[in-house]
PDB file of N, CA and C in Angstrom:
ATOM      1  N   MET A   1    -154.286  39.083  94.718  1.00  0.00           N
ATOM      2  CA  MET A   1    -153.026  39.225  94.022  1.00  0.00           C
ATOM      3  C   MET A   1    -152.521  37.835  93.654  1.00  0.00           C
ATOM      4  N   PRO A   2    -152.083  37.665  92.392  1.00  0.00           N
ATOM      5  CA  PRO A   2    -151.586  36.351  91.977  1.00  0.00           C
ATOM      6  C   PRO A   2    -150.241  36.031  92.627  1.00  0.00           C
ATOM      7  N   THR A   3    -150.005  34.746  92.778  1.00  0.00           N
ATOM      8  CA  THR A   3    -148.699  34.317  93.266  1.00  0.00           C
ATOM      9  C   THR A   3    -147.681  34.484  92.138  1.00  0.00           C
ATOM     10  N   PHE A   4    -146.415  34.348  92.483  1.00  0.00           N
ATOM     11  CA  PHE A   4    -145.351  34.448  91.483  1.00  0.00           C
ATOM     12  C   PHE A   4    -145.535  33.392  90.398  1.00  0.00           C
ATOM     13  N   GLU A   5    -145.840  32.164  90.797  1.00  0.00           N
ATOM     14  CA  GLU A   5    -146.025  31.071  89.832  1.00  0.00           C
ATOM     15  C   GLU A   5    -147.235  31.327  88.944  1.00  0.00           C
ATOM     16  N   GLU A   6    -148.319  31.858  89.509  1.00  0.00           N
ATOM     17  CA  GLU A   6    -149.502  32.187  88.708  1.00  0.00           C
ATOM     18  C   GLU A   6    -149.180  33.276  87.690  1.00  0.00           C
ATOM     19  N   ALA A   7    -148.403  34.263  88.107  1.00  0.00           N
ATOM     20  CA  ALA A   7    -148.012  35.346  87.198  1.00  0.00           C
ATOM     21  C   ALA A   7    -147.161  34.796  86.053  1.00  0.00           C
ATOM     22  N   LYS A   8    -146.231  33.891  86.363  1.00  0.00           N
ATOM     23  CA  LYS A   8    -145.398  33.291  85.314  1.00  0.00           C
ATOM     24  C   LYS A   8    -146.256  32.513  84.321  1.00  0.00           C
ATOM     25  N   ARG A   9    -147.243  31.762  84.834  1.00  0.00           N
ATOM     26  CA  ARG A   9    -148.125  30.999  83.946  1.00  0.00           C
ATOM     27  C   ARG A   9    -148.937  31.927  83.042  1.00  0.00           C
ATOM     28  N   LYS A  10    -149.448  33.017  83.607  1.00  0.00           N
ATOM     29  CA  LYS A  10    -150.240  33.968  82.827  1.00  0.00           C
ATOM     30  C   LYS A  10    -149.386  34.606  81.731  1.00  0.00           C
ATOM     31  N   VAL A  11    -148.167  34.970  82.063  1.00  0.00           N
ATOM     32  CA  VAL A  11    -147.264  35.548  81.061  1.00  0.00           C
ATOM     33  C   VAL A  11    -146.997  34.525  79.959  1.00  0.00           C
ATOM     34  N   ALA A  12    -146.764  33.273  80.329  1.00  0.00           N
ATOM     35  CA  ALA A  12    -146.517  32.228  79.325  1.00  0.00           C
ATOM     36  C   ALA A  12    -147.723  32.082  78.399  1.00  0.00           C
ATOM     37  N   GLU A  13    -148.926  32.160  78.950  1.00  0.00           N
ATOM     38  CA  GLU A  13    -150.139  32.089  78.132  1.00  0.00           C
ATOM     39  C   GLU A  13    -150.213  33.270  77.169  1.00  0.00           C
ATOM     40  N   LEU A  14    -149.896  34.461  77.655  1.00  0.00           N
ATOM     41  CA  LEU A  14    -149.926  35.655  76.808  1.00  0.00           C
ATOM     42  C   LEU A  14    -148.902  35.560  75.679  1.00  0.00           C
ATOM     43  N   VAL A  15    -147.729  35.033  75.992  1.00  0.00           N
ATOM     44  CA  VAL A  15    -146.671  34.886  74.985  1.00  0.00           C
ATOM     45  C   VAL A  15    -147.157  33.987  73.853  1.00  0.00           C
ATOM     46  N   VAL A  16    -147.763  32.864  74.210  1.00  0.00           N
ATOM     47  CA  VAL A  16    -148.274  31.936  73.201  1.00  0.00           C
ATOM     48  C   VAL A  16    -149.421  32.587  72.420  1.00  0.00           C
ATOM     49  N   ALA A  17    -150.332  33.248  73.117  1.00  0.00           N
ATOM     50  CA  ALA A  17    -151.479  33.889  72.466  1.00  0.00           C
ATOM     51  C   ALA A  17    -151.047  34.958  71.466  1.00  0.00           C
ATOM     52  N   LYS A  18    -149.966  35.666  71.775  1.00  0.00           N
ATOM     53  CA  LYS A  18    -149.473  36.727  70.884  1.00  0.00           C
ATOM     54  C   LYS A  18    -148.588  36.182  69.764  1.00  0.00           C
ATOM     55  N   GLY A  19    -148.269  34.880  69.834  1.00  0.00           N
ATOM     56  CA  GLY A  19    -147.478  34.262  68.776  1.00  0.00           C
ATOM     57  C   GLY A  19    -145.978  34.458  68.897  1.00  0.00           C
ATOM     58  N   PHE A  20    -145.503  34.827  70.090  1.00  0.00           N
ATOM     59  CA  PHE A  20    -144.069  34.992  70.294  1.00  0.00           C
ATOM     60  C   PHE A  20    -143.440  33.635  70.578  1.00  0.00           C
ATOM     61  N   GLY A  21    -142.146  33.536  70.338  1.00  0.00           N
ATOM     62  CA  GLY A  21    -141.427  32.303  70.616  1.00  0.00           C
ATOM     63  C   GLY A  21    -141.470  31.968  72.094  1.00  0.00           C
ATOM     64  N   ASN A  22    -141.528  30.676  72.386  1.00  0.00           N
ATOM     65  CA  ASN A  22    -141.666  30.273  73.780  1.00  0.00           C
ATOM     66  C   ASN A  22    -140.898  28.992  74.077  1.00  0.00           C
ATOM     67  N   THR A  23    -139.644  28.936  73.623  1.00  0.00           N
ATOM     68  CA  THR A  23    -138.823  27.764  73.916  1.00  0.00           C
ATOM     69  C   THR A  23    -137.624  28.183  74.761  1.00  0.00           C
ATOM     70  N   ALA A  24    -136.956  27.201  75.319  1.00  0.00           N
ATOM     71  CA  ALA A  24    -135.781  27.476  76.162  1.00  0.00           C
ATOM     72  C   ALA A  24    -134.679  28.179  75.372  1.00  0.00           C
ATOM     73  N   ARG A  25    -134.606  27.947  74.082  1.00  0.00           N
ATOM     74  CA  ARG A  25    -133.566  28.579  73.254  1.00  0.00           C
ATOM     75  C   ARG A  25    -133.746  30.094  73.177  1.00  0.00           C
ATOM     76  N   GLU A  26    -134.938  30.579  73.452  1.00  0.00           N
ATOM     77  CA  GLU A  26    -135.211  32.017  73.352  1.00  0.00           C
ATOM     78  C   GLU A  26    -135.003  32.772  74.663  1.00  0.00           C
ATOM     79  N   ILE A  27    -134.700  32.062  75.729  1.00  0.00           N
ATOM     80  CA  ILE A  27    -134.514  32.710  77.030  1.00  0.00           C
ATOM     81  C   ILE A  27    -133.413  33.772  77.002  1.00  0.00           C
ATOM     82  N   PRO A  28    -132.241  33.517  76.408  1.00  0.00           N
ATOM     83  CA  PRO A  28    -131.222  34.581  76.392  1.00  0.00           C
ATOM     84  C   PRO A  28    -131.718  35.872  75.742  1.00  0.00           C
ATOM     85  N   ASN A  29    -132.465  35.754  74.650  1.00  0.00           N
ATOM     86  CA  ASN A  29    -133.006  36.955  74.014  1.00  0.00           C
ATOM     87  C   ASN A  29    -133.994  37.669  74.924  1.00  0.00           C
ATOM     88  N   LYS A  30    -134.821  36.907  75.612  1.00  0.00           N
ATOM     89  CA  LYS A  30    -135.812  37.526  76.491  1.00  0.00           C
ATOM     90  C   LYS A  30    -135.125  38.272  77.638  1.00  0.00           C
ATOM     91  N   LEU A  31    -134.045  37.714  78.159  1.00  0.00           N
ATOM     92  CA  LEU A  31    -133.306  38.412  79.213  1.00  0.00           C
ATOM     93  C   LEU A  31    -132.615  39.652  78.652  1.00  0.00           C
ATOM     94  N   LEU A  32    -132.121  39.554  77.423  1.00  0.00           N
ATOM     95  CA  LEU A  32    -131.551  40.735  76.768  1.00  0.00           C
ATOM     96  C   LEU A  32    -132.616  41.817  76.622  1.00  0.00           C
ATOM     97  N   PHE A  33    -133.813  41.428  76.177  1.00  0.00           N
ATOM     98  CA  PHE A  33    -134.898  42.401  76.025  1.00  0.00           C
ATOM     99  C   PHE A  33    -135.248  43.039  77.365  1.00  0.00           C
ATOM    100  N   ALA A  34    -135.175  42.260  78.454  1.00  0.00           N
ATOM    101  CA  ALA A  34    -135.456  42.814  79.782  1.00  0.00           C
ATOM    102  C   ALA A  34    -134.454  43.916  80.116  1.00  0.00           C
ATOM    103  N   PHE A  35    -133.183  43.685  79.805  1.00  0.00           N
ATOM    104  CA  PHE A  35    -132.164  44.715  80.067  1.00  0.00           C
ATOM    105  C   PHE A  35    -132.365  45.940  79.182  1.00  0.00           C
ATOM    106  N   VAL A  36    -132.776  45.718  77.938  1.00  0.00           N
ATOM    107  CA  VAL A  36    -133.062  46.848  77.040  1.00  0.00           C
ATOM    108  C   VAL A  36    -134.197  47.684  77.620  1.00  0.00           C
ATOM    109  N   GLU A  37    -135.254  47.019  78.064  1.00  0.00           N
ATOM    110  CA  GLU A  37    -136.394  47.732  78.647  1.00  0.00           C
ATOM    111  C   GLU A  37    -135.989  48.466  79.923  1.00  0.00           C
ATOM    112  N   LEU A  38    -135.110  47.858  80.710  1.00  0.00           N
ATOM    113  CA  LEU A  38    -134.633  48.519  81.924  1.00  0.00           C
ATOM    114  C   LEU A  38    -133.872  49.789  81.564  1.00  0.00           C
ATOM    115  N   GLY A  39    -133.063  49.716  80.518  1.00  0.00           N
ATOM    116  CA  GLY A  39    -132.358  50.907  80.046  1.00  0.00           C
ATOM    117  C   GLY A  39    -133.323  51.980  79.578  1.00  0.00           C
ATOM    118  N   GLU A  40    -134.383  51.569  78.882  1.00  0.00           N
ATOM    119  CA  GLU A  40    -135.382  52.529  78.424  1.00  0.00           C
ATOM    120  C   GLU A  40    -136.105  53.172  79.605  1.00  0.00           C
ATOM    121  N   ALA A  41    -136.360  52.386  80.657  1.00  0.00           N
ATOM    122  CA  ALA A  41    -136.996  52.941  81.854  1.00  0.00           C
ATOM    123  C   ALA A  41    -136.081  53.965  82.512  1.00  0.00           C
ATOM    124  N   GLY A  42    -134.798  53.635  82.625  1.00  0.00           N
ATOM    125  CA  GLY A  42    -133.839  54.573  83.214  1.00  0.00           C
ATOM    126  C   GLY A  42    -133.728  55.846  82.402  1.00  0.00           C
ATOM    127  N   ASP A  43    -133.724  55.707  81.090  1.00  0.00           N
ATOM    128  CA  ASP A  43    -133.649  56.867  80.205  1.00  0.00           C
ATOM    129  C   ASP A  43    -134.897  57.736  80.347  1.00  0.00           C
ATOM    130  N   SER A  44    -136.045  57.102  80.418  1.00  0.00           N
ATOM    131  CA  SER A  44    -137.306  57.825  80.587  1.00  0.00           C
ATOM    132  C   SER A  44    -137.302  58.614  81.892  1.00  0.00           C
ATOM    133  N   TRP A  45    -136.861  57.970  82.962  1.00  0.00           N
ATOM    134  CA  TRP A  45    -136.806  58.624  84.273  1.00  0.00           C
ATOM    135  C   TRP A  45    -135.806  59.776  84.260  1.00  0.00           C
ATOM    136  N   LYS A  46    -134.625  59.519  83.684  1.00  0.00           N
ATOM    137  CA  LYS A  46    -133.562  60.524  83.641  1.00  0.00           C
ATOM    138  C   LYS A  46    -134.003  61.765  82.869  1.00  0.00           C
ATOM    139  N   LYS A  47    -134.765  61.569  81.817  1.00  0.00           N
ATOM    140  CA  LYS A  47    -135.214  62.688  80.983  1.00  0.00           C
ATOM    141  C   LYS A  47    -136.471  63.366  81.522  1.00  0.00           C
ATOM    142  N   GLY A  48    -136.969  62.882  82.656  1.00  0.00           N
ATOM    143  CA  GLY A  48    -138.137  63.501  83.276  1.00  0.00           C
ATOM    144  C   GLY A  48    -139.432  63.285  82.512  1.00  0.00           C
ATOM    145  N   LYS A  49    -139.495  62.197  81.773  1.00  0.00           N
ATOM    146  CA  LYS A  49    -140.721  61.894  81.028  1.00  0.00           C
ATOM    147  C   LYS A  49    -141.830  61.526  82.008  1.00  0.00           C
ATOM    148  N   PRO A  50    -143.073  61.497  81.527  1.00  0.00           N
ATOM    149  CA  PRO A  50    -144.190  61.179  82.430  1.00  0.00           C
ATOM    150  C   PRO A  50    -143.959  59.866  83.179  1.00  0.00           C
ATOM    151  N   ARG A  51    -144.355  59.876  84.431  1.00  0.00           N
ATOM    152  CA  ARG A  51    -144.145  58.711  85.296  1.00  0.00           C
ATOM    153  C   ARG A  51    -144.743  57.434  84.690  1.00  0.00           C
ATOM    154  N   GLY A  52    -145.900  57.585  84.064  1.00  0.00           N
ATOM    155  CA  GLY A  52    -146.564  56.431  83.462  1.00  0.00           C
ATOM    156  C   GLY A  52    -145.722  55.756  82.394  1.00  0.00           C
ATOM    157  N   GLU A  53    -144.951  56.546  81.649  1.00  0.00           N
ATOM    158  CA  GLU A  53    -144.083  55.983  80.612  1.00  0.00           C
ATOM    159  C   GLU A  53    -142.970  55.146  81.241  1.00  0.00           C
ATOM    160  N   THR A  54    -142.393  55.657  82.317  1.00  0.00           N
ATOM    161  CA  THR A  54    -141.339  54.920  83.018  1.00  0.00           C
ATOM    162  C   THR A  54    -141.900  53.630  83.607  1.00  0.00           C
ATOM    163  N   ILE A  55    -143.079  53.723  84.197  1.00  0.00           N
ATOM    164  CA  ILE A  55    -143.714  52.539  84.784  1.00  0.00           C
ATOM    165  C   ILE A  55    -144.002  51.496  83.709  1.00  0.00           C
ATOM    166  N   GLU A  56    -144.452  51.946  82.549  1.00  0.00           N
ATOM    167  CA  GLU A  56    -144.726  51.018  81.448  1.00  0.00           C
ATOM    168  C   GLU A  56    -143.464  50.253  81.044  1.00  0.00           C
ATOM    169  N   GLU A  57    -142.340  50.944  81.005  1.00  0.00           N
ATOM    170  CA  GLU A  57    -141.076  50.279  80.668  1.00  0.00           C
ATOM    171  C   GLU A  57    -140.697  49.266  81.751  1.00  0.00           C
ATOM    172  N   LEU A  58    -140.918  49.616  83.011  1.00  0.00           N
ATOM    173  CA  LEU A  58    -140.607  48.689  84.107  1.00  0.00           C
ATOM    174  C   LEU A  58    -141.516  47.463  84.074  1.00  0.00           C
ATOM    175  N   ILE A  59    -142.766  47.656  83.687  1.00  0.00           N
ATOM    176  CA  ILE A  59    -143.678  46.519  83.545  1.00  0.00           C
ATOM    177  C   ILE A  59    -143.172  45.587  82.450  1.00  0.00           C
ATOM    178  N   ASP A  60    -142.654  46.161  81.372  1.00  0.00           N
ATOM    179  CA  ASP A  60    -142.072  45.333  80.309  1.00  0.00           C
ATOM    180  C   ASP A  60    -140.903  44.504  80.836  1.00  0.00           C
ATOM    181  N   VAL A  61    -140.084  45.101  81.708  1.00  0.00           N
ATOM    182  CA  VAL A  61    -138.968  44.367  82.316  1.00  0.00           C
ATOM    183  C   VAL A  61    -139.507  43.162  83.083  1.00  0.00           C
ATOM    184  N   ILE A  62    -140.505  43.400  83.907  1.00  0.00           N
ATOM    185  CA  ILE A  62    -141.094  42.322  84.711  1.00  0.00           C
ATOM    186  C   ILE A  62    -141.649  41.230  83.801  1.00  0.00           C
ATOM    187  N   PHE A  63    -142.331  41.638  82.740  1.00  0.00           N
ATOM    188  CA  PHE A  63    -142.900  40.685  81.789  1.00  0.00           C
ATOM    189  C   PHE A  63    -141.817  39.772  81.218  1.00  0.00           C
ATOM    190  N   TYR A  64    -140.715  40.360  80.741  1.00  0.00           N
ATOM    191  CA  TYR A  64    -139.638  39.559  80.155  1.00  0.00           C
ATOM    192  C   TYR A  64    -138.963  38.662  81.186  1.00  0.00           C
ATOM    193  N   VAL A  65    -138.788  39.148  82.401  1.00  0.00           N
ATOM    194  CA  VAL A  65    -138.158  38.329  83.444  1.00  0.00           C
ATOM    195  C   VAL A  65    -139.061  37.153  83.807  1.00  0.00           C
ATOM    196  N   LEU A  66    -140.360  37.417  83.961  1.00  0.00           N
ATOM    197  CA  LEU A  66    -141.286  36.327  84.264  1.00  0.00           C
ATOM    198  C   LEU A  66    -141.311  35.311  83.128  1.00  0.00           C
ATOM    199  N   ASP A  67    -141.319  35.799  81.897  1.00  0.00           N
ATOM    200  CA  ASP A  67    -141.341  34.893  80.754  1.00  0.00           C
ATOM    201  C   ASP A  67    -140.043  34.096  80.667  1.00  0.00           C
ATOM    202  N   GLY A  68    -138.929  34.732  80.919  1.00  0.00           N
ATOM    203  CA  GLY A  68    -137.647  34.037  80.880  1.00  0.00           C
ATOM    204  C   GLY A  68    -137.498  33.004  81.976  1.00  0.00           C
ATOM    205  N   GLY A  69    -138.254  33.153  83.050  1.00  0.00           N
ATOM    206  CA  GLY A  69    -138.166  32.236  84.179  1.00  0.00           C
ATOM    207  C   GLY A  69    -139.155  31.095  84.138  1.00  0.00           C
ATOM    208  N   THR A  70    -139.896  30.964  83.038  1.00  0.00           N
ATOM    209  CA  THR A  70    -140.900  29.915  82.921  1.00  0.00           C
ATOM    210  C   THR A  70    -140.281  28.674  82.297  1.00  0.00           C
ATOM    211  N   GLU A  71    -140.509  27.517  82.926  1.00  0.00           N
ATOM    212  CA  GLU A  71    -139.984  26.263  82.368  1.00  0.00           C
ATOM    213  C   GLU A  71    -140.728  25.938  81.086  1.00  0.00           C
ATOM    214  N   ARG A  72    -139.992  25.466  80.092  1.00  0.00           N
ATOM    215  CA  ARG A  72    -140.576  25.136  78.796  1.00  0.00           C
ATOM    216  C   ARG A  72    -139.693  24.128  78.089  1.00  0.00           C
ATOM    217  N   PRO A  73    -140.199  23.554  76.997  1.00  0.00           N
ATOM    218  CA  PRO A  73    -139.361  22.612  76.240  1.00  0.00           C
ATOM    219  C   PRO A  73    -138.169  23.323  75.619  1.00  0.00           C
ATOM    220  N   SER A  74    -137.141  22.568  75.309  1.00  0.00           N
ATOM    221  CA  SER A  74    -135.915  23.168  74.777  1.00  0.00           C
ATOM    222  C   SER A  74    -136.072  23.695  73.365  1.00  0.00           C
ATOM    223  N   GLY A  75    -137.009  23.184  72.602  1.00  0.00           N
ATOM    224  CA  GLY A  75    -137.199  23.629  71.232  1.00  0.00           C
ATOM    225  C   GLY A  75    -136.174  23.058  70.274  1.00  0.00           C
ATOM    226  N   ARG A  76    -135.406  22.088  70.734  1.00  0.00           N
ATOM    227  CA  ARG A  76    -134.383  21.464  69.885  1.00  0.00           C
ATOM    228  C   ARG A  76    -134.982  20.276  69.153  1.00  0.00           C
ATOM    229  N   SER A  77    -134.568  20.091  67.925  1.00  0.00           N
ATOM    230  CA  SER A  77    -135.078  18.965  67.132  1.00  0.00           C
ATOM    231  C   SER A  77    -134.152  17.777  67.230  1.00  0.00           C
TER     232      SER A  77
END
């Protein structure tokens, strides 16, 4: 099992590989997206949707939190 720091590094690599923004200025949006995904997970659970769908939404929350917690340049010019 990877450590917390290893998981954060892997997420940062995936973010760059997928072409998503990866600067400190984008952290507020990433945390907002984490809350949106958490709401979607709660909605999925509340509506009795398949467990896998709820888990997928929770994984998205973890992804955004790990990405938001990774140190990076400020992206300011």
